[in-house]
Amino acid sequence: MSVYTLLYVEDDLAVRKQITEFLKRYYKEVYEASSAEEGLELYKRQKPHILLLDIHLGGMSGIELATLVRQKDKKTRILISTAYTNQEFMLEAIELDITRYLIKPMTSEELVKALEKCWQELDANTLVKLADGCFYNREKALLTHHQSPITLRHKEVEILEYFLAHEGKLVRYEMLEESIWEKDVMTRDAIRSQIRNIRKKLQLNLFKNVSGLGYKFTRQNI
């Protein structure tokens, strides 16, 4: 059984129940939702590793949900299912880094192959080298520096993940405030304090200050 968790969003009750029972053979946790809106709330609470989304849902579509997820989350793997082959949707799926596009009715073999592809992609992204002797385990949200474990606080994990997703690019203070703190207002001094704490734990300076604007994050010797 996979260590990963999955969220399945499908508005057809009979199909959802059937597929969910099948998925439970492979996952320790399977969350299900009947709408994209419900799925978004479950995603925020449970942070599943994989999303299986039907495109055509009442209200928000599966593609719209995937777009919202991708605004802040580049690592969660996404599978899209639909009864129709729509070229426009398929192009959107490519831009959203969708692992696979499944045509309904999908066979159990097709679904398992898609799940295995997700596992491979997740496994490849679990351990991230930050510098020589310094690694970040995304699954455990844990740093190791020359094999010594370093625990990160929740906000520090979110900040590090955000910078990894935007490596080499300027991350402005406003971007961090909007993405990490959302509705809460944070001062630049408070953001700088969080970055200093991560630097101390890393024992490396991977964050380059861009005066008055924000930071650029670059891994070393990669």
N, C-alpha and C. Protein backbone atom coordinates (compact mmCIF):
# COMPACT_ATOMS: atom_id res chain seq x y z
N MET A 1 0.84 -1.20 0.00
CA MET A 1 0.00 0.00 0.00
C MET A 1 0.87 1.25 0.00
N SER A 2 0.52 2.23 -0.82
CA SER A 2 1.31 3.44 -0.94
C SER A 2 1.24 4.29 0.33
N VAL A 3 2.35 4.97 0.62
CA VAL A 3 2.38 5.89 1.77
C VAL A 3 1.71 7.21 1.42
N TYR A 4 1.42 7.41 0.14
CA TYR A 4 0.84 8.67 -0.30
C TYR A 4 -0.68 8.71 -0.07
N THR A 5 -1.22 9.92 -0.06
CA THR A 5 -2.67 10.10 0.11
C THR A 5 -3.25 10.71 -1.16
N LEU A 6 -4.56 10.51 -1.36
CA LEU A 6 -5.19 10.93 -2.61
C LEU A 6 -6.55 11.56 -2.34
N LEU A 7 -6.86 12.59 -3.11
CA LEU A 7 -8.18 13.22 -3.09
C LEU A 7 -8.84 12.99 -4.44
N TYR A 8 -10.06 12.44 -4.41
CA TYR A 8 -10.82 12.14 -5.63
C TYR A 8 -12.04 13.03 -5.68
N VAL A 9 -12.18 13.80 -6.78
CA VAL A 9 -13.32 14.71 -6.95
C VAL A 9 -14.12 14.27 -8.16
N GLU A 10 -15.35 13.84 -7.91
CA GLU A 10 -16.24 13.31 -8.96
C GLU A 10 -17.68 13.55 -8.52
N ASP A 11 -18.50 14.15 -9.42
CA ASP A 11 -19.87 14.47 -9.02
C ASP A 11 -20.86 13.33 -9.22
N ASP A 12 -20.46 12.29 -9.96
CA ASP A 12 -21.33 11.13 -10.15
C ASP A 12 -21.13 10.19 -8.95
N LEU A 13 -22.15 10.07 -8.10
CA LEU A 13 -22.02 9.31 -6.85
C LEU A 13 -21.63 7.86 -7.10
N ALA A 14 -22.30 7.19 -8.06
CA ALA A 14 -22.03 5.77 -8.30
C ALA A 14 -20.58 5.56 -8.76
N VAL A 15 -20.14 6.40 -9.69
CA VAL A 15 -18.76 6.29 -10.18
C VAL A 15 -17.78 6.58 -9.06
N ARG A 16 -18.06 7.63 -8.27
CA ARG A 16 -17.15 8.01 -7.19
C ARG A 16 -16.99 6.89 -6.16
N LYS A 17 -18.08 6.27 -5.77
CA LYS A 17 -18.01 5.20 -4.79
C LYS A 17 -17.24 3.99 -5.32
N GLN A 18 -17.49 3.67 -6.57
CA GLN A 18 -16.81 2.52 -7.18
C GLN A 18 -15.30 2.74 -7.27
N ILE A 19 -14.91 3.91 -7.78
CA ILE A 19 -13.49 4.21 -7.92
C ILE A 19 -12.82 4.37 -6.56
N THR A 20 -13.52 4.98 -5.61
CA THR A 20 -12.95 5.18 -4.27
C THR A 20 -12.62 3.84 -3.62
N GLU A 21 -13.52 2.87 -3.73
CA GLU A 21 -13.25 1.54 -3.17
C GLU A 21 -12.03 0.90 -3.82
N PHE A 22 -11.89 1.11 -5.13
CA PHE A 22 -10.72 0.59 -5.83
C PHE A 22 -9.44 1.27 -5.34
N LEU A 23 -9.50 2.59 -5.17
CA LEU A 23 -8.33 3.36 -4.75
C LEU A 23 -7.86 2.97 -3.35
N LYS A 24 -8.80 2.58 -2.50
CA LYS A 24 -8.46 2.23 -1.11
C LYS A 24 -7.57 0.98 -1.03
N ARG A 25 -7.48 0.25 -2.10
CA ARG A 25 -6.56 -0.90 -2.13
C ARG A 25 -5.11 -0.43 -2.18
N TYR A 26 -4.91 0.79 -2.66
CA TYR A 26 -3.55 1.28 -2.92
C TYR A 26 -3.10 2.40 -2.00
N TYR A 27 -4.03 3.08 -1.33
CA TYR A 27 -3.68 4.25 -0.53
C TYR A 27 -4.14 4.11 0.91
N LYS A 28 -3.32 4.63 1.81
CA LYS A 28 -3.68 4.57 3.22
C LYS A 28 -4.83 5.53 3.53
N GLU A 29 -4.93 6.63 2.76
CA GLU A 29 -6.02 7.58 2.93
C GLU A 29 -6.54 8.01 1.56
N VAL A 30 -7.85 7.90 1.37
CA VAL A 30 -8.50 8.40 0.15
C VAL A 30 -9.61 9.34 0.58
N TYR A 31 -9.53 10.59 0.17
CA TYR A 31 -10.56 11.58 0.47
C TYR A 31 -11.42 11.75 -0.78
N GLU A 32 -12.70 11.95 -0.59
CA GLU A 32 -13.58 12.11 -1.74
C GLU A 32 -14.45 13.35 -1.61
N ALA A 33 -14.75 13.96 -2.75
CA ALA A 33 -15.59 15.16 -2.80
C ALA A 33 -16.47 15.10 -4.03
N SER A 34 -17.66 15.71 -3.93
CA SER A 34 -18.62 15.69 -5.04
C SER A 34 -18.57 16.95 -5.88
N SER A 35 -17.79 17.94 -5.45
CA SER A 35 -17.68 19.20 -6.19
C SER A 35 -16.26 19.76 -6.05
N ALA A 36 -15.90 20.64 -6.97
CA ALA A 36 -14.58 21.26 -6.90
C ALA A 36 -14.46 22.13 -5.66
N GLU A 37 -15.54 22.79 -5.29
CA GLU A 37 -15.51 23.65 -4.10
C GLU A 37 -15.24 22.83 -2.84
N GLU A 38 -15.93 21.69 -2.71
CA GLU A 38 -15.70 20.80 -1.57
C GLU A 38 -14.28 20.21 -1.64
N GLY A 39 -13.85 19.88 -2.85
CA GLY A 39 -12.51 19.34 -3.04
C GLY A 39 -11.43 20.33 -2.64
N LEU A 40 -11.64 21.61 -2.95
CA LEU A 40 -10.65 22.63 -2.59
C LEU A 40 -10.51 22.74 -1.08
N GLU A 41 -11.62 22.68 -0.36
CA GLU A 41 -11.56 22.74 1.10
C GLU A 41 -10.85 21.52 1.67
N LEU A 42 -11.13 20.35 1.11
CA LEU A 42 -10.45 19.13 1.57
C LEU A 42 -8.95 19.20 1.26
N TYR A 43 -8.62 19.71 0.08
CA TYR A 43 -7.21 19.85 -0.29
C TYR A 43 -6.48 20.74 0.72
N LYS A 44 -7.09 21.86 1.08
CA LYS A 44 -6.46 22.79 2.03
C LYS A 44 -6.26 22.15 3.40
N ARG A 45 -7.24 21.32 3.82
CA ARG A 45 -7.15 20.71 5.15
C ARG A 45 -6.22 19.50 5.18
N GLN A 46 -6.31 18.67 4.16
CA GLN A 46 -5.61 17.37 4.20
C GLN A 46 -4.28 17.34 3.46
N LYS A 47 -4.06 18.26 2.53
CA LYS A 47 -2.81 18.32 1.76
C LYS A 47 -2.46 16.96 1.14
N PRO A 48 -3.34 16.37 0.33
CA PRO A 48 -3.04 15.07 -0.27
C PRO A 48 -1.88 15.16 -1.26
N HIS A 49 -1.24 14.03 -1.51
CA HIS A 49 -0.13 14.00 -2.44
C HIS A 49 -0.59 13.96 -3.90
N ILE A 50 -1.79 13.38 -4.13
CA ILE A 50 -2.30 13.19 -5.49
C ILE A 50 -3.75 13.65 -5.56
N LEU A 51 -4.10 14.31 -6.66
CA LEU A 51 -5.49 14.70 -6.92
C LEU A 51 -5.97 13.97 -8.17
N LEU A 52 -7.14 13.35 -8.09
CA LEU A 52 -7.80 12.76 -9.25
C LEU A 52 -9.08 13.57 -9.45
N LEU A 53 -9.12 14.35 -10.53
CA LEU A 53 -10.19 15.32 -10.73
C LEU A 53 -10.96 15.05 -12.01
N ASP A 54 -12.28 14.99 -11.89
CA ASP A 54 -13.11 14.97 -13.09
C ASP A 54 -13.18 16.40 -13.62
N ILE A 55 -13.20 16.56 -14.94
CA ILE A 55 -13.24 17.92 -15.50
C ILE A 55 -14.61 18.55 -15.31
N HIS A 56 -15.65 17.81 -15.70
CA HIS A 56 -16.99 18.39 -15.74
C HIS A 56 -17.72 18.17 -14.42
N LEU A 57 -17.72 19.23 -13.60
CA LEU A 57 -18.38 19.20 -12.31
C LEU A 57 -19.39 20.33 -12.24
N GLY A 58 -20.38 20.19 -11.39
CA GLY A 58 -21.32 21.29 -11.21
C GLY A 58 -20.60 22.48 -10.58
N GLY A 59 -20.69 23.65 -11.18
CA GLY A 59 -19.97 24.82 -10.65
C GLY A 59 -18.56 24.85 -11.21
N MET A 60 -17.57 25.02 -10.34
CA MET A 60 -16.17 25.07 -10.75
C MET A 60 -15.76 23.75 -11.40
N SER A 61 -14.98 23.82 -12.47
CA SER A 61 -14.53 22.60 -13.16
C SER A 61 -13.27 22.04 -12.51
N GLY A 62 -12.94 20.81 -12.90
CA GLY A 62 -11.72 20.20 -12.40
C GLY A 62 -10.47 20.95 -12.84
N ILE A 63 -10.49 21.50 -14.07
CA ILE A 63 -9.37 22.29 -14.57
C ILE A 63 -9.21 23.56 -13.74
N GLU A 64 -10.32 24.20 -13.39
CA GLU A 64 -10.25 25.41 -12.56
C GLU A 64 -9.68 25.09 -11.18
N LEU A 65 -10.08 23.95 -10.63
CA LEU A 65 -9.54 23.53 -9.33
C LEU A 65 -8.04 23.28 -9.44
N ALA A 66 -7.62 22.58 -10.49
CA ALA A 66 -6.20 22.32 -10.70
C ALA A 66 -5.41 23.62 -10.84
N THR A 67 -6.00 24.59 -11.51
CA THR A 67 -5.35 25.90 -11.68
C THR A 67 -5.13 26.58 -10.34
N LEU A 68 -6.14 26.54 -9.46
CA LEU A 68 -6.00 27.12 -8.13
C LEU A 68 -4.91 26.43 -7.32
N VAL A 69 -4.87 25.11 -7.41
CA VAL A 69 -3.86 24.34 -6.68
C VAL A 69 -2.45 24.70 -7.18
N ARG A 70 -2.31 24.79 -8.51
CA ARG A 70 -0.99 25.05 -9.09
C ARG A 70 -0.47 26.47 -8.82
N GLN A 71 -1.32 27.37 -8.43
CA GLN A 71 -0.87 28.73 -8.11
C GLN A 71 0.12 28.73 -6.95
N LYS A 72 -0.04 27.78 -6.02
CA LYS A 72 0.84 27.72 -4.85
C LYS A 72 1.57 26.40 -4.69
N ASP A 73 1.11 25.38 -5.39
CA ASP A 73 1.61 24.02 -5.16
C ASP A 73 2.05 23.41 -6.49
N LYS A 74 3.36 23.23 -6.63
CA LYS A 74 3.90 22.65 -7.87
C LYS A 74 4.22 21.16 -7.74
N LYS A 75 4.15 20.63 -6.53
CA LYS A 75 4.62 19.26 -6.33
C LYS A 75 3.50 18.22 -6.30
N THR A 76 2.29 18.59 -5.83
CA THR A 76 1.19 17.64 -5.80
C THR A 76 0.91 17.14 -7.22
N ARG A 77 0.76 15.84 -7.36
CA ARG A 77 0.52 15.28 -8.69
C ARG A 77 -0.98 15.31 -8.97
N ILE A 78 -1.33 15.58 -10.21
CA ILE A 78 -2.73 15.73 -10.59
C ILE A 78 -3.06 14.84 -11.78
N LEU A 79 -4.14 14.08 -11.64
CA LEU A 79 -4.71 13.29 -12.73
C LEU A 79 -6.05 13.90 -13.10
N ILE A 80 -6.33 14.00 -14.40
CA ILE A 80 -7.60 14.55 -14.87
C ILE A 80 -8.38 13.45 -15.58
N SER A 81 -9.67 13.31 -15.24
CA SER A 81 -10.52 12.34 -15.93
C SER A 81 -11.70 13.05 -16.58
N THR A 82 -12.10 12.56 -17.74
CA THR A 82 -13.24 13.15 -18.45
C THR A 82 -13.82 12.14 -19.43
N ALA A 83 -15.07 12.31 -19.75
CA ALA A 83 -15.72 11.44 -20.73
C ALA A 83 -15.52 11.94 -22.15
N TYR A 84 -14.90 13.12 -22.28
CA TYR A 84 -14.75 13.74 -23.59
C TYR A 84 -13.29 14.04 -23.91
N THR A 85 -12.92 13.91 -25.16
CA THR A 85 -11.58 14.30 -25.60
C THR A 85 -11.66 15.71 -26.15
N ASN A 86 -11.29 16.67 -25.32
CA ASN A 86 -11.37 18.08 -25.67
C ASN A 86 -9.96 18.62 -25.80
N GLN A 87 -9.61 19.07 -27.02
CA GLN A 87 -8.26 19.54 -27.28
C GLN A 87 -7.88 20.73 -26.39
N GLU A 88 -8.83 21.63 -26.17
CA GLU A 88 -8.56 22.81 -25.34
C GLU A 88 -8.22 22.40 -23.91
N PHE A 89 -9.01 21.46 -23.36
CA PHE A 89 -8.75 20.98 -22.00
C PHE A 89 -7.39 20.29 -21.92
N MET A 90 -7.05 19.52 -22.97
CA MET A 90 -5.79 18.79 -22.96
C MET A 90 -4.60 19.76 -22.99
N LEU A 91 -4.72 20.86 -23.72
CA LEU A 91 -3.66 21.86 -23.76
C LEU A 91 -3.52 22.53 -22.39
N GLU A 92 -4.65 22.82 -21.75
CA GLU A 92 -4.61 23.40 -20.41
C GLU A 92 -3.96 22.44 -19.43
N ALA A 93 -4.26 21.15 -19.58
CA ALA A 93 -3.71 20.13 -18.69
C ALA A 93 -2.19 20.09 -18.79
N ILE A 94 -1.66 20.25 -20.01
CA ILE A 94 -0.21 20.26 -20.21
C ILE A 94 0.42 21.44 -19.47
N GLU A 95 -0.20 22.61 -19.58
CA GLU A 95 0.33 23.81 -18.93
C GLU A 95 0.30 23.70 -17.41
N LEU A 96 -0.62 22.90 -16.88
CA LEU A 96 -0.76 22.75 -15.43
C LEU A 96 0.08 21.59 -14.87
N ASP A 97 0.95 21.02 -15.70
CA ASP A 97 1.80 19.91 -15.27
C ASP A 97 0.96 18.75 -14.74
N ILE A 98 -0.02 18.36 -15.55
CA ILE A 98 -0.87 17.22 -15.21
C ILE A 98 -0.11 15.93 -15.53
N THR A 99 -0.12 14.98 -14.61
CA THR A 99 0.61 13.73 -14.82
C THR A 99 -0.01 12.89 -15.93
N ARG A 100 -1.33 12.79 -15.95
CA ARG A 100 -1.99 12.02 -17.00
C ARG A 100 -3.43 12.47 -17.18
N TYR A 101 -3.90 12.35 -18.43
CA TYR A 101 -5.26 12.71 -18.84
C TYR A 101 -5.98 11.39 -19.12
N LEU A 102 -6.98 11.04 -18.30
CA LEU A 102 -7.67 9.74 -18.41
C LEU A 102 -9.05 9.91 -19.04
N ILE A 103 -9.33 9.09 -20.05
CA ILE A 103 -10.63 9.13 -20.72
C ILE A 103 -11.55 8.10 -20.07
N LYS A 104 -12.73 8.56 -19.64
CA LYS A 104 -13.73 7.67 -19.03
C LYS A 104 -14.55 6.99 -20.12
N PRO A 105 -14.99 5.76 -19.88
CA PRO A 105 -14.69 4.96 -18.67
C PRO A 105 -13.26 4.41 -18.74
N MET A 106 -12.50 4.65 -17.67
CA MET A 106 -11.11 4.19 -17.64
C MET A 106 -11.06 2.78 -17.07
N THR A 107 -10.15 1.98 -17.57
CA THR A 107 -9.98 0.63 -17.05
C THR A 107 -9.13 0.68 -15.78
N SER A 108 -9.21 -0.39 -15.00
CA SER A 108 -8.39 -0.46 -13.78
C SER A 108 -6.91 -0.44 -14.13
N GLU A 109 -6.55 -1.05 -15.25
CA GLU A 109 -5.15 -1.06 -15.68
C GLU A 109 -4.67 0.35 -16.01
N GLU A 110 -5.49 1.13 -16.71
CA GLU A 110 -5.12 2.51 -17.05
C GLU A 110 -4.96 3.36 -15.80
N LEU A 111 -5.86 3.16 -14.85
CA LEU A 111 -5.80 3.94 -13.61
C LEU A 111 -4.56 3.57 -12.81
N VAL A 112 -4.25 2.29 -12.70
CA VAL A 112 -3.07 1.85 -11.95
C VAL A 112 -1.80 2.40 -12.58
N LYS A 113 -1.71 2.39 -13.90
CA LYS A 113 -0.54 2.92 -14.59
C LYS A 113 -0.37 4.41 -14.31
N ALA A 114 -1.50 5.13 -14.28
CA ALA A 114 -1.45 6.56 -13.98
C ALA A 114 -1.00 6.80 -12.54
N LEU A 115 -1.49 5.97 -11.63
CA LEU A 115 -1.09 6.08 -10.22
C LEU A 115 0.40 5.79 -10.05
N GLU A 116 0.88 4.78 -10.74
CA GLU A 116 2.30 4.43 -10.66
C GLU A 116 3.17 5.57 -11.17
N LYS A 117 2.69 6.25 -12.22
CA LYS A 117 3.42 7.40 -12.75
C LYS A 117 3.49 8.51 -11.70
N CYS A 118 2.40 8.72 -10.99
CA CYS A 118 2.38 9.72 -9.91
C CYS A 118 3.38 9.34 -8.82
N TRP A 119 3.42 8.06 -8.44
CA TRP A 119 4.34 7.62 -7.39
C TRP A 119 5.79 7.87 -7.82
N GLN A 120 6.09 7.57 -9.09
CA GLN A 120 7.45 7.78 -9.58
C GLN A 120 7.83 9.26 -9.50
N GLU A 121 6.91 10.12 -9.89
CA GLU A 121 7.19 11.56 -9.86
C GLU A 121 7.34 12.06 -8.43
N LEU A 122 6.51 11.57 -7.53
CA LEU A 122 6.61 11.97 -6.13
C LEU A 122 7.91 11.47 -5.50
N ASP A 123 8.26 10.22 -5.78
CA ASP A 123 9.50 9.67 -5.23
C ASP A 123 10.71 10.47 -5.71
N ALA A 124 10.68 10.89 -6.98
CA ALA A 124 11.81 11.63 -7.54
C ALA A 124 11.96 13.00 -6.89
N ASN A 125 10.85 13.54 -6.39
CA ASN A 125 10.87 14.88 -5.81
C ASN A 125 10.92 14.90 -4.29
N THR A 126 10.98 13.72 -3.67
CA THR A 126 10.92 13.67 -2.21
C THR A 126 12.18 14.22 -1.55
N LEU A 127 13.34 13.79 -2.02
CA LEU A 127 14.60 14.22 -1.42
C LEU A 127 15.26 15.25 -2.33
N VAL A 128 15.40 16.46 -1.83
CA VAL A 128 15.95 17.58 -2.62
C VAL A 128 17.31 17.97 -2.07
N LYS A 129 18.32 17.94 -2.93
CA LYS A 129 19.65 18.38 -2.53
C LYS A 129 19.70 19.90 -2.57
N LEU A 130 20.06 20.51 -1.44
CA LEU A 130 20.17 21.97 -1.37
C LEU A 130 21.61 22.42 -1.56
N ALA A 131 22.53 21.61 -1.09
CA ALA A 131 23.96 21.89 -1.20
C ALA A 131 24.70 20.62 -0.81
N ASP A 132 26.02 20.60 -0.96
CA ASP A 132 26.79 19.42 -0.55
C ASP A 132 26.54 19.12 0.93
N GLY A 133 26.05 17.92 1.21
CA GLY A 133 25.81 17.51 2.60
C GLY A 133 24.51 18.02 3.20
N CYS A 134 23.74 18.78 2.42
CA CYS A 134 22.49 19.36 2.94
C CYS A 134 21.32 18.94 2.06
N PHE A 135 20.33 18.25 2.66
CA PHE A 135 19.18 17.75 1.92
C PHE A 135 17.88 18.13 2.61
N TYR A 136 16.84 18.23 1.81
CA TYR A 136 15.50 18.52 2.35
C TYR A 136 14.57 17.39 1.93
N ASN A 137 13.97 16.72 2.92
CA ASN A 137 13.01 15.65 2.67
C ASN A 137 11.61 16.24 2.67
N ARG A 138 11.00 16.31 1.49
CA ARG A 138 9.69 16.95 1.37
C ARG A 138 8.60 16.14 2.06
N GLU A 139 8.72 14.83 2.02
CA GLU A 139 7.70 13.98 2.63
C GLU A 139 7.66 14.18 4.15
N LYS A 140 8.82 14.31 4.76
CA LYS A 140 8.90 14.46 6.22
C LYS A 140 9.05 15.92 6.66
N ALA A 141 9.20 16.84 5.69
CA ALA A 141 9.43 18.26 5.99
C ALA A 141 10.62 18.41 6.94
N LEU A 142 11.71 17.72 6.57
CA LEU A 142 12.88 17.64 7.46
C LEU A 142 14.16 17.97 6.69
N LEU A 143 15.00 18.80 7.30
CA LEU A 143 16.33 19.09 6.76
C LEU A 143 17.35 18.14 7.38
N THR A 144 18.35 17.77 6.60
CA THR A 144 19.51 17.08 7.18
C THR A 144 20.76 17.81 6.72
N HIS A 145 21.64 18.09 7.67
CA HIS A 145 22.90 18.76 7.36
C HIS A 145 24.02 17.85 7.84
N HIS A 146 24.74 17.25 6.86
CA HIS A 146 25.76 16.25 7.17
C HIS A 146 25.19 15.17 8.08
N GLN A 147 23.98 14.68 7.68
CA GLN A 147 23.26 13.58 8.31
C GLN A 147 22.63 13.94 9.66
N SER A 148 22.78 15.18 10.10
CA SER A 148 22.13 15.61 11.35
C SER A 148 20.75 16.19 11.02
N PRO A 149 19.67 15.65 11.62
CA PRO A 149 18.33 16.15 11.32
C PRO A 149 18.07 17.53 11.90
N ILE A 150 17.36 18.36 11.13
CA ILE A 150 17.01 19.71 11.55
C ILE A 150 15.52 19.89 11.32
N THR A 151 14.78 20.14 12.39
CA THR A 151 13.33 20.29 12.29
C THR A 151 12.96 21.71 11.86
N LEU A 152 12.00 21.79 10.96
CA LEU A 152 11.49 23.09 10.51
C LEU A 152 10.10 23.33 11.08
N ARG A 153 9.81 24.59 11.39
CA ARG A 153 8.46 24.96 11.78
C ARG A 153 7.56 25.03 10.54
N HIS A 154 6.25 25.04 10.80
CA HIS A 154 5.28 24.98 9.70
C HIS A 154 5.50 26.10 8.69
N LYS A 155 5.64 27.35 9.15
CA LYS A 155 5.83 28.47 8.24
C LYS A 155 7.16 28.38 7.51
N GLU A 156 8.18 27.85 8.17
CA GLU A 156 9.48 27.68 7.53
C GLU A 156 9.40 26.67 6.39
N VAL A 157 8.62 25.61 6.59
CA VAL A 157 8.40 24.63 5.53
C VAL A 157 7.71 25.29 4.34
N GLU A 158 6.66 26.06 4.60
CA GLU A 158 5.93 26.72 3.52
C GLU A 158 6.83 27.67 2.74
N ILE A 159 7.66 28.42 3.47
CA ILE A 159 8.57 29.37 2.81
C ILE A 159 9.59 28.64 1.95
N LEU A 160 10.21 27.58 2.50
CA LEU A 160 11.21 26.83 1.74
C LEU A 160 10.59 26.20 0.49
N GLU A 161 9.41 25.63 0.62
CA GLU A 161 8.72 25.03 -0.53
C GLU A 161 8.44 26.09 -1.60
N TYR A 162 8.03 27.28 -1.16
CA TYR A 162 7.71 28.35 -2.11
C TYR A 162 8.97 28.77 -2.87
N PHE A 163 10.08 28.90 -2.16
CA PHE A 163 11.32 29.29 -2.84
C PHE A 163 11.84 28.20 -3.76
N LEU A 164 11.67 26.94 -3.38
CA LEU A 164 12.07 25.84 -4.27
C LEU A 164 11.26 25.87 -5.57
N ALA A 165 9.98 26.22 -5.47
CA ALA A 165 9.12 26.30 -6.65
C ALA A 165 9.47 27.50 -7.53
N HIS A 166 10.17 28.48 -6.94
CA HIS A 166 10.53 29.69 -7.69
C HIS A 166 12.06 29.89 -7.69
N GLU A 167 12.79 28.77 -7.73
CA GLU A 167 14.25 28.84 -7.63
C GLU A 167 14.84 29.70 -8.75
N GLY A 168 15.77 30.59 -8.35
CA GLY A 168 16.46 31.44 -9.32
C GLY A 168 15.69 32.68 -9.73
N LYS A 169 14.44 32.80 -9.25
CA LYS A 169 13.61 33.94 -9.61
C LYS A 169 13.46 34.88 -8.42
N LEU A 170 13.22 36.14 -8.72
CA LEU A 170 12.98 37.10 -7.64
C LEU A 170 11.63 36.82 -6.99
N VAL A 171 11.64 36.57 -5.70
CA VAL A 171 10.42 36.41 -4.92
C VAL A 171 10.24 37.69 -4.10
N ARG A 172 9.25 38.46 -4.47
CA ARG A 172 9.03 39.74 -3.80
C ARG A 172 8.36 39.53 -2.44
N TYR A 173 8.55 40.51 -1.57
CA TYR A 173 7.91 40.44 -0.25
C TYR A 173 6.40 40.26 -0.38
N GLU A 174 5.82 40.96 -1.36
CA GLU A 174 4.37 40.89 -1.55
C GLU A 174 3.91 39.49 -1.95
N MET A 175 4.73 38.81 -2.72
CA MET A 175 4.41 37.44 -3.13
C MET A 175 4.39 36.50 -1.93
N LEU A 176 5.38 36.66 -1.05
CA LEU A 176 5.43 35.83 0.16
C LEU A 176 4.24 36.11 1.06
N GLU A 177 3.93 37.38 1.23
CA GLU A 177 2.82 37.74 2.10
C GLU A 177 1.51 37.16 1.59
N GLU A 178 1.29 37.27 0.28
CA GLU A 178 0.04 36.78 -0.30
C GLU A 178 -0.04 35.26 -0.30
N SER A 179 1.08 34.60 -0.59
CA SER A 179 1.06 33.14 -0.73
C SER A 179 1.18 32.39 0.58
N ILE A 180 1.99 32.91 1.50
CA ILE A 180 2.25 32.19 2.76
C ILE A 180 1.30 32.64 3.87
N TRP A 181 1.08 33.94 3.96
CA TRP A 181 0.25 34.46 5.05
C TRP A 181 -1.17 34.76 4.63
N GLU A 182 -1.43 34.74 3.31
CA GLU A 182 -2.76 34.93 2.75
C GLU A 182 -3.44 36.18 3.31
N LYS A 183 -4.44 36.04 4.17
CA LYS A 183 -5.21 37.19 4.63
C LYS A 183 -4.51 37.96 5.76
N ASP A 184 -3.52 37.34 6.39
CA ASP A 184 -2.81 38.02 7.47
C ASP A 184 -1.78 39.00 6.91
N VAL A 185 -1.69 40.15 7.52
CA VAL A 185 -0.71 41.15 7.09
C VAL A 185 0.59 40.91 7.84
N MET A 186 1.70 40.82 7.08
CA MET A 186 3.01 40.61 7.68
C MET A 186 3.94 41.75 7.30
N THR A 187 4.73 42.22 8.25
CA THR A 187 5.70 43.27 7.96
C THR A 187 6.92 42.65 7.27
N ARG A 188 7.68 43.48 6.59
CA ARG A 188 8.90 42.99 5.96
C ARG A 188 9.90 42.50 7.00
N ASP A 189 9.92 43.15 8.16
CA ASP A 189 10.83 42.71 9.23
C ASP A 189 10.49 41.30 9.69
N ALA A 190 9.19 41.00 9.76
CA ALA A 190 8.77 39.66 10.18
C ALA A 190 9.16 38.62 9.13
N ILE A 191 9.03 38.96 7.85
CA ILE A 191 9.42 38.05 6.78
C ILE A 191 10.94 37.83 6.81
N ARG A 192 11.70 38.93 6.99
CA ARG A 192 13.16 38.81 7.08
C ARG A 192 13.57 37.91 8.25
N SER A 193 12.83 38.01 9.36
CA SER A 193 13.13 37.19 10.53
C SER A 193 12.97 35.71 10.21
N GLN A 194 11.90 35.36 9.47
CA GLN A 194 11.69 33.97 9.08
C GLN A 194 12.82 33.46 8.19
N ILE A 195 13.26 34.31 7.25
CA ILE A 195 14.36 33.92 6.35
C ILE A 195 15.65 33.72 7.15
N ARG A 196 15.91 34.61 8.11
CA ARG A 196 17.12 34.47 8.95
C ARG A 196 17.11 33.15 9.71
N ASN A 197 15.93 32.77 10.23
CA ASN A 197 15.82 31.51 10.97
C ASN A 197 16.14 30.31 10.09
N ILE A 198 15.65 30.34 8.86
CA ILE A 198 15.92 29.23 7.93
C ILE A 198 17.41 29.20 7.59
N ARG A 199 18.01 30.37 7.35
CA ARG A 199 19.45 30.45 7.06
C ARG A 199 20.27 29.80 8.18
N LYS A 200 19.90 30.13 9.43
CA LYS A 200 20.63 29.58 10.58
C LYS A 200 20.52 28.07 10.62
N LYS A 201 19.33 27.56 10.35
CA LYS A 201 19.13 26.11 10.39
C LYS A 201 19.88 25.42 9.24
N LEU A 202 19.90 26.06 8.08
CA LEU A 202 20.61 25.49 6.93
C LEU A 202 22.12 25.56 7.13
N GLN A 203 22.57 26.55 7.91
CA GLN A 203 24.00 26.86 8.05
C GLN A 203 24.59 27.22 6.69
N LEU A 204 23.72 27.75 5.83
CA LEU A 204 24.09 28.17 4.48
C LEU A 204 23.28 29.41 4.14
N ASN A 205 23.81 30.21 3.23
CA ASN A 205 23.05 31.35 2.76
C ASN A 205 22.62 31.11 1.32
N LEU A 206 21.48 30.44 1.17
CA LEU A 206 20.94 30.17 -0.16
C LEU A 206 19.98 31.26 -0.61
N PHE A 207 19.67 32.18 0.31
CA PHE A 207 18.75 33.27 0.02
C PHE A 207 19.56 34.55 -0.23
N LYS A 208 19.53 35.06 -1.44
CA LYS A 208 20.21 36.30 -1.75
C LYS A 208 19.23 37.46 -1.64
N ASN A 209 19.55 38.41 -0.78
CA ASN A 209 18.68 39.57 -0.59
C ASN A 209 18.76 40.50 -1.79
N VAL A 210 17.60 40.89 -2.31
CA VAL A 210 17.52 41.89 -3.37
C VAL A 210 16.95 43.14 -2.71
N SER A 211 17.79 44.09 -2.46
CA SER A 211 17.46 45.25 -1.63
C SER A 211 16.13 45.90 -1.98
N GLY A 212 15.25 45.96 -0.96
CA GLY A 212 13.98 46.64 -1.11
C GLY A 212 12.91 45.86 -1.84
N LEU A 213 13.28 44.69 -2.39
CA LEU A 213 12.33 43.94 -3.22
C LEU A 213 11.97 42.58 -2.63
N GLY A 214 12.99 41.81 -2.27
CA GLY A 214 12.72 40.46 -1.76
C GLY A 214 13.97 39.61 -1.78
N TYR A 215 13.85 38.35 -2.26
CA TYR A 215 14.98 37.42 -2.23
C TYR A 215 14.99 36.55 -3.49
N LYS A 216 16.19 36.06 -3.80
CA LYS A 216 16.35 35.00 -4.79
C LYS A 216 16.95 33.79 -4.07
N PHE A 217 16.43 32.61 -4.40
CA PHE A 217 16.89 31.37 -3.76
C PHE A 217 17.60 30.52 -4.80
N THR A 218 18.82 30.07 -4.49
CA THR A 218 19.57 29.23 -5.41
C THR A 218 20.29 28.14 -4.63
N ARG A 219 20.09 26.89 -5.03
CA ARG A 219 20.82 25.79 -4.40
C ARG A 219 22.29 25.82 -4.82
N GLN A 220 23.15 25.22 -4.00
CA GLN A 220 24.59 25.24 -4.27
C GLN A 220 25.09 23.91 -4.83
N ASN A 221 26.00 23.99 -5.79
CA ASN A 221 26.69 22.81 -6.34
C ASN A 221 25.72 21.75 -6.85
N ILE A 222 24.66 22.19 -7.53
CA ILE A 222 23.67 21.25 -8.06
C ILE A 222 23.93 21.00 -9.55
